[in-house]
Structures are given as structure tokens and as C-alpha cells.
Protein backbone atom coordinates (compact mmCIF):
# COMPACT_ATOMS: atom_id res chain seq x y z
CA UNK A 1 9.59 2.19 -55.75
CA UNK A 2 9.59 1.14 -59.35
CA UNK A 3 7.49 2.34 -62.23
CA UNK A 4 4.77 -0.27 -61.69
CA UNK A 5 4.38 0.69 -58.07
CA UNK A 6 4.16 4.37 -58.89
CA UNK A 7 1.52 3.67 -61.50
CA UNK A 8 -0.48 1.58 -59.05
CA UNK A 9 -0.20 4.29 -56.44
CA UNK A 10 -1.52 6.79 -58.96
CA UNK A 11 -4.45 4.50 -59.70
CA UNK A 12 -5.24 4.50 -56.01
CA UNK A 13 -5.44 8.27 -55.65
CA UNK A 14 -9.22 8.18 -55.52
CA UNK A 15 -8.96 6.20 -52.28
CA UNK A 16 -6.58 8.72 -50.70
CA UNK A 17 -7.92 11.78 -48.84
CA UNK A 18 -4.74 13.73 -49.61
CA UNK A 19 -3.68 13.19 -53.27
CA UNK A 20 -0.68 15.44 -52.80
CA UNK A 21 0.86 12.79 -50.55
CA UNK A 22 0.87 10.42 -53.52
CA UNK A 23 2.73 13.04 -55.56
CA UNK A 24 5.32 13.32 -52.77
CA UNK A 25 5.74 9.54 -52.81
CA UNK A 26 6.27 9.58 -56.59
CA UNK A 27 8.79 12.43 -56.47
CA UNK A 28 10.86 10.90 -53.69
CA UNK A 29 10.82 7.45 -55.31
CA UNK A 30 11.93 8.94 -58.65
CA UNK A 31 14.86 10.65 -56.91
CA UNK A 32 15.89 7.43 -55.18
CA UNK A 33 15.45 5.41 -58.39
CA UNK A 34 17.75 7.80 -60.27
CA UNK A 35 20.41 7.53 -57.58
CA UNK A 36 20.31 3.76 -57.43
CA UNK A 37 20.02 3.14 -61.17
CA UNK A 38 23.31 4.96 -61.72
CA UNK A 39 24.92 2.51 -59.28
CA UNK A 40 24.06 -0.58 -61.33
CA UNK A 41 27.56 -1.43 -62.52
CA UNK A 42 30.28 -4.03 -61.94
CA UNK A 43 30.44 -3.24 -58.23
CA UNK A 44 26.76 -4.04 -57.79
CA UNK A 45 27.24 -7.46 -59.39
CA UNK A 46 30.17 -7.94 -57.02
CA UNK A 47 27.70 -7.36 -54.19
CA UNK A 48 25.47 -10.08 -55.67
CA UNK A 49 28.43 -12.48 -55.81
CA UNK A 50 29.45 -11.65 -52.23
CA UNK A 51 25.90 -12.21 -50.98
CA UNK A 52 25.72 -15.45 -52.97
CA UNK A 53 28.89 -16.72 -51.25
CA UNK A 54 27.56 -15.79 -47.81
CA UNK A 55 24.37 -17.76 -48.42
CA UNK A 56 26.43 -20.67 -49.79
CA UNK A 57 28.27 -20.92 -46.48
CA UNK A 58 25.57 -20.22 -43.92
CA UNK A 59 22.79 -22.22 -45.58
CA UNK A 60 25.24 -24.93 -46.64
CA UNK A 61 26.28 -25.40 -43.00
CA UNK A 62 22.69 -25.40 -41.74
CA UNK A 63 21.34 -27.78 -44.39
CA UNK A 64 24.15 -30.34 -43.95
CA UNK A 65 24.07 -30.58 -40.15
CA UNK A 66 22.54 -34.05 -40.43
CA UNK A 67 25.98 -35.36 -41.46
CA UNK A 68 27.28 -34.55 -37.97
CA UNK A 69 24.55 -36.42 -36.08
CA UNK A 70 26.23 -39.82 -35.94
CA UNK A 71 29.71 -38.62 -34.80
CA UNK A 72 28.18 -36.22 -32.26
CA UNK A 73 26.00 -38.91 -30.67
CA UNK A 74 28.97 -41.29 -30.57
CA UNK A 75 31.67 -38.95 -29.21
CA UNK A 76 29.61 -36.78 -26.85
CA UNK A 77 27.32 -39.55 -25.61
CA UNK A 78 24.09 -37.70 -26.38
CA UNK A 79 20.90 -39.05 -27.92
CA UNK A 80 19.80 -38.54 -31.50
CA UNK A 81 16.97 -36.23 -30.39
CA UNK A 82 19.34 -34.01 -28.43
CA UNK A 83 21.82 -33.89 -31.32
CA UNK A 84 19.02 -32.96 -33.74
CA UNK A 85 17.98 -30.14 -31.40
CA UNK A 86 21.40 -28.53 -31.87
CA UNK A 87 20.78 -28.02 -35.58
CA UNK A 88 17.11 -27.08 -35.22
CA UNK A 89 17.88 -24.47 -32.56
CA UNK A 90 20.57 -22.95 -34.76
CA UNK A 91 18.09 -22.49 -37.61
CA UNK A 92 15.56 -20.96 -35.21
CA UNK A 93 18.13 -18.53 -33.76
CA UNK A 94 19.28 -17.59 -37.28
CA UNK A 95 15.76 -16.71 -38.38
CA UNK A 96 14.50 -15.06 -35.19
CA UNK A 97 17.62 -12.89 -34.94
CA UNK A 98 16.62 -11.52 -38.35
CA UNK A 99 14.39 -8.97 -36.61
CA UNK A 100 17.35 -7.60 -34.64
CA UNK A 101 19.61 -7.79 -37.69
CA UNK A 102 17.09 -5.81 -39.75
CA UNK A 103 16.98 -3.00 -37.16
CA UNK A 104 20.77 -2.71 -37.16
CA UNK A 105 21.00 -2.89 -40.97
CA UNK A 106 18.45 -0.09 -41.21
CA UNK A 107 20.58 2.05 -38.91
CA UNK A 108 24.16 1.38 -40.04
CA UNK A 109 23.84 -0.46 -43.37
CA UNK A 110 24.52 -4.06 -44.43
CA UNK A 111 28.32 -3.94 -44.49
CA UNK A 112 29.29 -3.86 -40.78
CA UNK A 113 26.43 -6.19 -39.81
CA UNK A 114 27.49 -8.87 -42.30
CA UNK A 115 31.13 -8.60 -41.23
CA UNK A 116 30.31 -8.98 -37.55
CA UNK A 117 27.98 -11.86 -38.41
CA UNK A 118 30.76 -13.70 -40.28
CA UNK A 119 33.11 -13.31 -37.31
CA UNK A 120 30.45 -14.50 -34.86
CA UNK A 121 29.51 -17.44 -37.06
CA UNK A 122 33.14 -18.50 -37.41
CA UNK A 123 33.73 -18.13 -33.66
CA UNK A 124 30.64 -20.23 -32.87
CA UNK A 125 31.68 -23.04 -35.22
CA UNK A 126 35.26 -22.97 -33.91
CA UNK A 127 33.99 -23.09 -30.33
CA UNK A 128 31.73 -26.01 -31.21
CA UNK A 129 34.77 -27.97 -32.43
CA UNK A 130 36.21 -27.75 -28.90
CA UNK A 131 33.07 -28.82 -27.05
CA UNK A 132 32.99 -31.85 -24.78
CA UNK A 133 29.35 -31.74 -23.63
CA UNK A 134 25.85 -31.00 -24.91
CA UNK A 135 25.32 -27.64 -23.16
CA UNK A 136 28.53 -26.19 -24.60
CA UNK A 137 27.51 -27.37 -28.07
CA UNK A 138 24.17 -25.59 -27.72
CA UNK A 139 25.86 -22.39 -26.57
CA UNK A 140 28.43 -22.32 -29.39
CA UNK A 141 26.92 -24.01 -32.44
CA UNK A 142 23.27 -23.14 -31.85
CA UNK A 143 23.37 -19.73 -30.16
CA UNK A 144 26.62 -18.00 -31.17
CA UNK A 145 26.85 -19.41 -34.71
CA UNK A 146 23.07 -19.06 -35.14
CA UNK A 147 23.22 -15.37 -34.21
CA UNK A 148 26.15 -14.88 -36.56
CA UNK A 149 24.29 -16.52 -39.43
CA UNK A 150 21.28 -14.29 -38.76
CA UNK A 151 23.52 -11.22 -38.96
CA UNK A 152 24.87 -12.51 -42.29
CA UNK A 153 21.58 -13.51 -43.91
CA UNK A 154 19.52 -10.31 -43.71
CA UNK A 155 22.33 -7.97 -44.90
CA UNK A 156 23.09 -10.30 -47.82
CA UNK A 157 19.56 -10.05 -49.21
CA UNK A 158 19.01 -6.38 -48.32
CA UNK A 159 22.35 -5.29 -49.83
CA UNK A 160 21.40 -6.78 -53.21
CA UNK A 161 17.95 -5.15 -53.13
CA UNK A 162 19.46 -1.74 -52.32
CA UNK A 163 21.91 -1.86 -55.25
CA UNK A 164 19.37 -2.67 -57.95
CA UNK A 165 16.15 -1.29 -59.40
CA UNK A 166 15.55 -2.43 -62.98
CA UNK A 167 17.13 -5.86 -62.40
CA UNK A 168 16.53 -6.17 -58.67
CA UNK A 169 14.49 -9.36 -58.81
CA UNK A 170 16.99 -11.14 -61.07
CA UNK A 171 19.88 -10.11 -58.81
CA UNK A 172 18.00 -11.34 -55.74
CA UNK A 173 17.12 -14.60 -57.49
CA UNK A 174 20.78 -15.23 -58.31
CA UNK A 175 21.78 -14.36 -54.75
CA UNK A 176 19.39 -16.80 -53.06
CA UNK A 177 20.57 -19.62 -55.34
CA UNK A 178 23.47 -19.77 -52.89
CA UNK A 179 21.34 -21.99 -50.67
CA UNK A 180 21.20 -24.88 -53.11
CA UNK A 181 24.73 -24.42 -54.44
CA UNK A 182 26.22 -24.21 -50.95
CA UNK A 183 24.46 -27.38 -49.86
CA UNK A 184 25.63 -29.22 -52.98
CA UNK A 185 29.26 -28.14 -52.49
CA UNK A 186 29.59 -28.49 -48.71
CA UNK A 187 27.95 -31.91 -48.45
CA UNK A 188 30.70 -33.83 -50.34
CA UNK A 189 33.44 -31.73 -48.74
CA UNK A 190 32.16 -32.49 -45.26
CA UNK A 191 31.70 -36.16 -46.11
CA UNK A 192 35.38 -36.50 -47.03
CA UNK A 193 36.57 -34.50 -44.02
CA UNK A 194 34.37 -36.40 -41.58
CA UNK A 195 35.72 -39.71 -42.83
CA UNK A 196 39.40 -38.69 -42.94
CA UNK A 197 39.78 -36.07 -40.17
CA UNK A 198 36.75 -36.28 -37.83
CA UNK A 199 33.97 -33.89 -36.95
CA UNK A 200 36.12 -31.47 -34.94
CA UNK A 201 38.48 -30.76 -37.84
CA UNK A 202 35.52 -30.55 -40.21
CA UNK A 203 33.92 -27.86 -38.05
CA UNK A 204 37.20 -25.94 -37.98
CA UNK A 205 37.39 -25.95 -41.78
CA UNK A 206 33.78 -24.73 -42.00
CA UNK A 207 34.57 -22.08 -39.37
CA UNK A 208 37.41 -20.82 -41.58
CA UNK A 209 35.08 -20.60 -44.58
CA UNK A 210 32.58 -18.63 -42.48
CA UNK A 211 35.27 -16.24 -41.21
CA UNK A 212 36.44 -15.60 -44.79
CA UNK A 213 32.93 -14.27 -45.46
CA UNK A 214 34.12 -11.10 -43.69
CA UNK A 215 35.58 -10.21 -47.09
CA UNK A 216 32.16 -10.73 -48.66
CA UNK A 217 30.57 -8.50 -46.04
CA UNK A 218 33.12 -5.79 -46.79
CA UNK A 219 31.72 -5.57 -50.33
CA UNK A 220 28.17 -4.87 -49.13
CA UNK A 221 28.40 -1.09 -49.14
CA UNK A 222 25.23 0.97 -49.16
CA UNK A 223 24.56 2.96 -52.36
CA UNK A 224 24.82 6.72 -52.22
CA UNK A 225 21.42 8.23 -51.44
CA UNK A 226 20.43 5.40 -49.12
CA UNK A 227 22.81 6.11 -46.30
CA UNK A 228 20.09 6.36 -43.66
CA UNK A 229 16.61 4.91 -43.31
CA UNK A 230 14.21 7.78 -43.88
CA UNK A 231 10.72 8.20 -42.60
CA UNK A 232 8.08 6.77 -44.93
CA UNK A 233 7.00 9.67 -47.16
CA UNK A 234 3.30 8.78 -47.05
CA UNK A 235 2.95 9.43 -43.31
CA UNK A 236 0.85 12.33 -42.14
CA UNK A 237 2.62 14.94 -39.98
CA UNK A 238 0.39 14.22 -36.98
CA UNK A 239 1.45 10.58 -37.12
CA UNK A 240 4.86 11.60 -35.81
CA UNK A 241 3.26 11.70 -32.35
CA UNK A 242 1.80 8.22 -32.83
CA UNK A 243 5.10 6.36 -33.04
CA UNK A 244 4.95 2.82 -31.63
CA UNK A 245 6.38 2.28 -28.19
CA UNK A 246 8.02 -0.55 -26.26
CA UNK A 247 8.59 -3.97 -27.81
CA UNK A 248 6.89 -3.11 -31.12
CA UNK A 249 9.22 -0.16 -31.69
CA UNK A 250 12.24 -2.22 -30.63
CA UNK A 251 11.46 -5.03 -33.07
CA UNK A 252 10.01 -3.20 -36.06
CA UNK A 253 11.33 0.34 -35.76
CA UNK A 254 9.23 3.49 -35.88
CA UNK A 255 8.25 3.42 -39.55
CA UNK A 256 6.94 -0.02 -40.49
CA UNK A 257 3.95 -0.18 -38.07
CA UNK A 258 2.89 3.35 -39.10
CA UNK A 259 3.02 2.66 -42.82
CA UNK A 260 -0.39 2.97 -44.49
CA UNK A 261 0.49 -0.30 -46.27
CA UNK A 262 1.20 -2.21 -43.05
CA UNK A 263 -2.06 -4.23 -43.15
CA UNK A 264 -1.43 -5.72 -46.63
CA UNK A 265 2.10 -6.52 -45.45
CA UNK A 266 0.70 -8.44 -42.48
CA UNK A 267 -1.48 -10.51 -44.84
CA UNK A 268 1.66 -11.31 -46.84
CA UNK A 269 3.70 -12.13 -43.72
CA UNK A 270 1.09 -14.53 -42.34
CA UNK A 271 0.64 -16.24 -45.71
CA UNK A 272 4.41 -16.55 -46.10
CA UNK A 273 4.73 -18.13 -42.63
CA UNK A 274 2.00 -20.65 -43.50
CA UNK A 275 3.77 -21.59 -46.72
CA UNK A 276 7.06 -22.01 -44.85
CA UNK A 277 5.32 -24.28 -42.35
CA UNK A 278 4.65 -26.72 -45.21
CA UNK A 279 7.75 -26.08 -47.34
CA UNK A 280 10.13 -28.72 -45.98
CA UNK A 281 7.66 -31.58 -45.50
CA UNK A 282 7.85 -33.01 -49.05
CA UNK A 283 11.67 -32.85 -48.89
CA UNK A 284 11.55 -34.67 -45.54
CA UNK A 285 9.44 -37.61 -46.74
CA UNK A 286 10.52 -37.82 -50.40
CA UNK A 287 13.30 -40.44 -50.00
CA UNK A 288 11.11 -42.77 -47.90
CA UNK A 289 8.21 -42.41 -50.34
CA UNK A 290 10.53 -43.39 -53.17
CA UNK A 291 11.77 -46.45 -51.28
CA UNK A 292 8.19 -47.48 -50.56
CA UNK A 293 7.52 -47.27 -54.31
CA UNK A 294 10.37 -49.70 -54.99
CA UNK A 295 13.02 -47.14 -55.96
CA UNK A 296 16.55 -48.05 -54.79
CA UNK A 297 18.25 -45.89 -52.15
CA UNK A 298 20.68 -44.21 -54.56
CA UNK A 299 17.94 -43.01 -56.90
CA UNK A 300 15.78 -41.99 -53.93
CA UNK A 301 18.53 -39.70 -52.69
CA UNK A 302 18.80 -38.02 -56.10
CA UNK A 303 15.17 -36.87 -55.89
CA UNK A 304 16.04 -34.31 -53.21
CA UNK A 305 18.99 -33.09 -55.31
CA UNK A 306 16.71 -32.69 -58.33
CA UNK A 307 14.22 -30.72 -56.25
CA UNK A 308 17.05 -28.48 -55.05
CA UNK A 309 18.36 -27.84 -58.56
CA UNK A 310 14.83 -27.11 -59.79
CA UNK A 311 14.43 -24.68 -56.91
CA UNK A 312 17.51 -22.78 -58.10
CA UNK A 313 16.08 -22.66 -61.63
CA UNK A 314 12.76 -21.41 -60.25
CA UNK A 315 14.54 -18.62 -58.36
CA UNK A 316 16.31 -17.39 -61.49
CA UNK A 317 13.15 -17.53 -63.60
CA UNK A 318 11.22 -15.73 -60.87
CA UNK A 319 13.84 -12.98 -60.84
CA UNK A 320 13.58 -12.56 -64.59
CA UNK A 321 9.79 -12.37 -64.41
CA UNK A 322 9.63 -9.95 -61.47
CA UNK A 323 11.85 -7.52 -63.36
CA UNK A 324 9.29 -7.25 -66.14
CA UNK A 325 6.97 -4.21 -65.77
CA UNK A 326 3.88 -6.33 -66.47
CA UNK A 327 4.67 -8.84 -63.70
CA UNK A 328 3.25 -8.28 -60.19
CA UNK A 329 5.39 -10.13 -57.59
CA UNK A 330 2.32 -10.70 -55.41
CA UNK A 331 0.38 -12.42 -58.21
CA UNK A 332 3.45 -14.51 -59.09
CA UNK A 333 3.82 -15.52 -55.43
CA UNK A 334 0.15 -16.41 -55.12
CA UNK A 335 0.19 -18.55 -58.26
CA UNK A 336 3.49 -20.25 -57.35
CA UNK A 337 2.36 -21.19 -53.85
CA UNK A 338 -1.08 -22.28 -55.07
CA UNK A 339 0.36 -24.52 -57.79
CA UNK A 340 3.00 -25.83 -55.36
CA UNK A 341 0.16 -27.41 -53.35
CA UNK A 342 -0.45 -29.92 -56.17
CA UNK A 343 2.79 -32.03 -56.12
CA UNK A 344 2.55 -32.96 -52.38
CA UNK A 345 -1.04 -34.08 -52.99
CA UNK A 346 0.06 -36.38 -55.83
CA UNK A 347 3.34 -37.68 -54.37
CA UNK A 348 1.75 -40.45 -52.22
CA UNK A 349 0.05 -41.78 -55.36
CA UNK A 350 3.24 -41.89 -57.48
CA UNK A 351 4.36 -45.44 -58.24
CA UNK A 352 7.43 -44.95 -60.48
CA UNK A 353 10.74 -43.13 -60.32
CA UNK A 354 9.79 -41.00 -63.33
CA UNK A 355 6.57 -39.73 -61.76
CA UNK A 356 8.36 -39.00 -58.47
CA UNK A 357 11.11 -37.18 -60.35
CA UNK A 358 8.66 -34.98 -62.25
CA UNK A 359 6.69 -34.11 -59.11
CA UNK A 360 9.87 -33.34 -57.14
CA UNK A 361 11.15 -31.10 -59.95
CA UNK A 362 7.83 -29.28 -60.21
CA UNK A 363 7.70 -28.72 -56.45
CA UNK A 364 11.25 -27.35 -56.37
CA UNK A 365 10.60 -25.05 -59.35
CA UNK A 366 7.42 -23.57 -57.88
CA UNK A 367 8.70 -23.11 -54.33
CA UNK A 368 11.90 -21.57 -55.67
CA UNK A 369 9.87 -19.04 -57.65
CA UNK A 370 7.97 -18.08 -54.48
CA UNK A 371 11.14 -17.68 -52.38
CA UNK A 372 12.90 -15.47 -54.94
CA UNK A 373 9.84 -13.22 -55.31
CA UNK A 374 9.79 -12.34 -51.59
CA UNK A 375 12.19 -9.39 -51.72
CA UNK A 376 10.66 -7.81 -54.88
CA UNK A 377 7.21 -8.32 -53.34
CA UNK A 378 8.13 -6.44 -50.16
CA UNK A 379 9.72 -3.61 -52.14
CA UNK A 380 6.64 -3.33 -54.38
CA UNK A 381 4.41 -2.95 -51.31
CA UNK A 382 6.52 -0.97 -48.83
CA UNK A 383 9.38 0.53 -50.83
CA UNK A 384 13.12 0.00 -50.42
CA UNK A 385 13.35 2.07 -47.22
CA UNK A 386 11.23 -0.37 -45.21
CA UNK A 387 12.70 -3.53 -46.71
CA UNK A 388 15.14 -4.31 -43.84
CA UNK A 389 12.46 -4.19 -41.13
CA UNK A 390 9.89 -6.07 -43.21
CA UNK A 391 12.35 -8.74 -44.36
CA UNK A 392 13.66 -9.24 -40.82
CA UNK A 393 10.15 -9.75 -39.43
CA UNK A 394 9.25 -12.23 -42.18
CA UNK A 395 12.53 -14.12 -41.66
CA UNK A 396 11.75 -14.52 -37.96
CA UNK A 397 8.26 -15.82 -38.74
CA UNK A 398 9.73 -18.23 -41.31
CA UNK A 399 12.15 -19.59 -38.71
CA UNK A 400 9.41 -20.32 -36.19
CA UNK A 401 7.25 -21.91 -38.89
CA UNK A 402 10.10 -24.07 -40.23
CA UNK A 403 10.87 -25.20 -36.68
CA UNK A 404 7.26 -26.23 -36.05
CA UNK A 405 6.52 -27.93 -39.40
CA UNK A 406 8.61 -31.16 -39.21
CA UNK A 407 7.62 -32.10 -35.61
CA UNK A 408 3.97 -31.51 -36.51
CA UNK A 409 4.25 -33.76 -39.56
CA UNK A 410 6.22 -36.36 -37.61
CA UNK A 411 3.55 -36.56 -34.94
CA UNK A 412 0.87 -36.98 -37.61
CA UNK A 413 2.83 -39.80 -39.30
CA UNK A 414 3.28 -41.59 -35.96
CA UNK A 415 -0.42 -41.23 -35.20
CA UNK A 416 -1.79 -42.54 -38.52
CA UNK A 417 1.12 -44.80 -39.45
CA UNK A 418 1.39 -43.38 -43.01
CA UNK A 419 3.27 -40.54 -44.70
CA UNK A 420 0.48 -39.67 -47.11
CA UNK A 421 -1.61 -37.61 -44.64
CA UNK A 422 1.44 -35.46 -43.75
CA UNK A 423 1.92 -34.59 -47.42
CA UNK A 424 -1.78 -33.92 -47.81
CA UNK A 425 -1.53 -31.59 -44.81
CA UNK A 426 1.38 -29.85 -46.54
CA UNK A 427 -0.75 -29.42 -49.67
CA UNK A 428 -3.67 -27.99 -47.69
CA UNK A 429 -1.43 -25.49 -45.86
CA UNK A 430 0.14 -24.30 -49.11
CA UNK A 431 -3.30 -23.80 -50.65
CA UNK A 432 -4.39 -21.87 -47.54
CA UNK A 433 -1.26 -19.72 -47.87
CA UNK A 434 -2.18 -18.95 -51.49
CA UNK A 435 -5.56 -17.73 -50.26
CA UNK A 436 -3.71 -15.51 -47.78
CA UNK A 437 -1.73 -13.92 -50.61
CA UNK A 438 -4.99 -13.45 -52.52
CA UNK A 439 -6.46 -11.62 -49.49
CA UNK A 440 -3.42 -9.34 -49.47
CA UNK A 441 -4.05 -8.55 -53.13
CA UNK A 442 -7.77 -7.96 -52.65
CA UNK A 443 -7.41 -6.18 -49.30
CA UNK A 444 -9.47 -2.97 -49.02
CA UNK A 445 -6.43 -1.55 -47.18
CA UNK A 446 -4.31 -1.90 -50.32
CA UNK A 447 -5.30 1.06 -52.56
CA UNK A 448 -2.14 0.62 -54.65
CA UNK A 449 -3.73 -2.35 -56.41
CA UNK A 450 -6.52 -2.13 -58.98
CA UNK A 451 -9.37 -4.09 -57.34
């Protein structure tokens, strides 16, 4: 899609039985690049801001659900485990619905999908504020709002990627900073509302914020020249008769499974899911580790905030790096994930607030760099046309991995009676994920890389 990808494709011509196909890829990508580059103006930065606000709301709501646990258990008479399931199921529905959202975005564009998602999310949160039992809460907060958030998330990231070429990674990095900013802003707002007005009113205020994101979705227009998802230009004519059928076609569309670069993408997707499996474990155990080291509760809580702020910084720096022609997003991802395996390994051995603070900041910086590089990485491998389907599939895999990670770590902690082994497991999984990204880079099915 960009210059670096075209150069790498040219270097891989000797592996291709039909070099003229590579020329067709280059010509079509140059035409699309010219169309999109002319669109990089004030409106495109408005799209970034709109996507940023959407992520502020949807991730802010998801990440602060823990504040509702106590009032929900008290007023609805449900257990802590059941109340926790409401939030976990919402995250899972949000991520898994990314596959469906990606198919619709590919067909009609990000704008209508994001607008419908904002309305659904607001309706789900409003319905949850009226619930009087557990099953109704699951149906509204977890299922309806979760589906709405999924329809907001994928268009927000894809819309930014479609509007940018030369500064795509930076724009995406700024967009995904909405996660940390939204959590930081919504947490104190919800704390005040919960204390003064109760959880039902708090949910109604959050529902209003989500509904207002319809205006953000309205800004996510598709650039001229990308109105429809085209067939991948590197497909052979006879492959038209080999289109996937059934569930595979429904989930991924006709183009992604037939792409000659599908195998390297699968390596990336599996490695990304592994990294997500371990991502939240250090955040989960960081406050308790600090308390065990003699750090007071107030300072222990700030460690998570520092990690979140460092993650935002890592996302911006990653965007700046990925926009450089000499930077390969896959190498950056591999190095970030590999180095991110070090802080969890050292955290159980930290004995002071300063050492915990440095390790938390390093972990946030490195994981933020990996997260922001995801969209540029997919574009560098598959091109902008296949980004919605690829991003939707990876989002679904991330949701399942994030849902499985904390229970797995919790069971390990209960079995051994210590938190250290869970963090060591997190470190090992991250290192394994880095090896997965290395396999994608060295894959014999990836002729676009110089091996």
C-alpha cells in the first residue's frame, strides 16, 4: 500500500510465477495512494478526533465497570461473580462482534456502522439502568451495549486508516489513545455520580454520552476512491471459482482467505491473540504486588495510572515510527512484544515503589507501541482493502484471549498461593508471541519480505 510495501513486493518478484501481477499491484496501489493522499486535510484530522472520542466512551465504559460491582450486588441481590460476568461478557461481545462489524464496514463503509453502533450502545446502557434482575442486565448491558460497542470500535479504527497514507500510523496511534484518556476521564465522573445519584442515573448519563457518539460516527465518511471493497489485485483469474463458502465466507468475506498473503496474516493473528492473553495480567496484579512490597494503597493505585499514561505515550511514539519509510511495523511489533516480556518477569522481585513504577511505565510503553502498530502492520501485509476483514478477525481473537487470560491467571494464583508464577506465565506467553511474530516475518509464504 505504501512505498515500503511496494518496494518489498518488488524484491519478492523472483518468488512469484507471474511478475506482471506484481506490476498490477503496484499500479493499483499507486492510484489508491494518490486518491487518499489528496484527502489528508482538516477533515481527515476531524475523523481522527471523532474516532478518538468514540474510543474514549466505549473503552472508558468497559474499563470502569468495576465501579458498578458493589451497587449492583447490593441492589439486585446478585453475587460478585455474577456481577463480574456482566462486564466480562460485554467485552467478549464487543470483540467477537468485530468480525460482523468488519464485514458490514467493508460493504457500506464506517459511517453508518458507527452511527448504528452508538445508538445500540446508548440503548443498551439505558435499558440496563432500568433492570431489576440479573438476566435483564445481561441482555441489555452485556449483549445490546456490547454489540453496539463492537459496531463502534471497528469503524473508528478503519476510518482513520482509510483517510491516511503518509501519516496513517501516527493518526491511528492518536486515535487509540482514547482508551486511556476515556478511562481517566470517566472514572472520576462515575465516582461522583455513583455517590450522589446512584448507579441507575450514572448509567443514564453514560448512555447519553454514547448516543452523542452518533455525531462522531457521522464524520467517518469513506474517502473518494475507496467507496467499495475491491477484489485483491494479486488474485489469479481462476481463483474466482475458488471463493470460500459457508461460515468462512460469512465471517471473513470472499477476499481475505484467498489472499496470497493470508498465511503470514494468520501467523500475526495467532501471535497477537497470545500477546493479548497475557496483556492484562500485570495490570491485574500490580496493586497487590505493590501492597505486598510495603507500598501504601494510594501509591499502589497510581501504578496502574502510570502504566496507562505510558501506554498512551507508547502508542504515539509507535505511530511516529511506523510512518517512517525505514520502519517495518512487524519488526517494531516483534521487538515491542519481546521486550514487554521482561517487566512481568521482574515485577515479583521489585521491593520499592521506584522499581515498581519504572517497570510499570516500561510495560505500558512497550505494550502501547505494540497495540498502535497493529493497524499499520495489517495494511503493510494485506493492503487497505482487506483491513476491515483482517482487523475484525483479530479483534474477535483478542476478545476471546482477553476473556480467558484473567481466569487462567486467577486459577494459577489460587493453586500456588502466590502471584509471581502468574506474572512469570504472562512473561512466557509474551515471549512466545514475539516468536510468533518472528515466524510471520521469516515465513516462506511471505515473499514481500527480504529473508
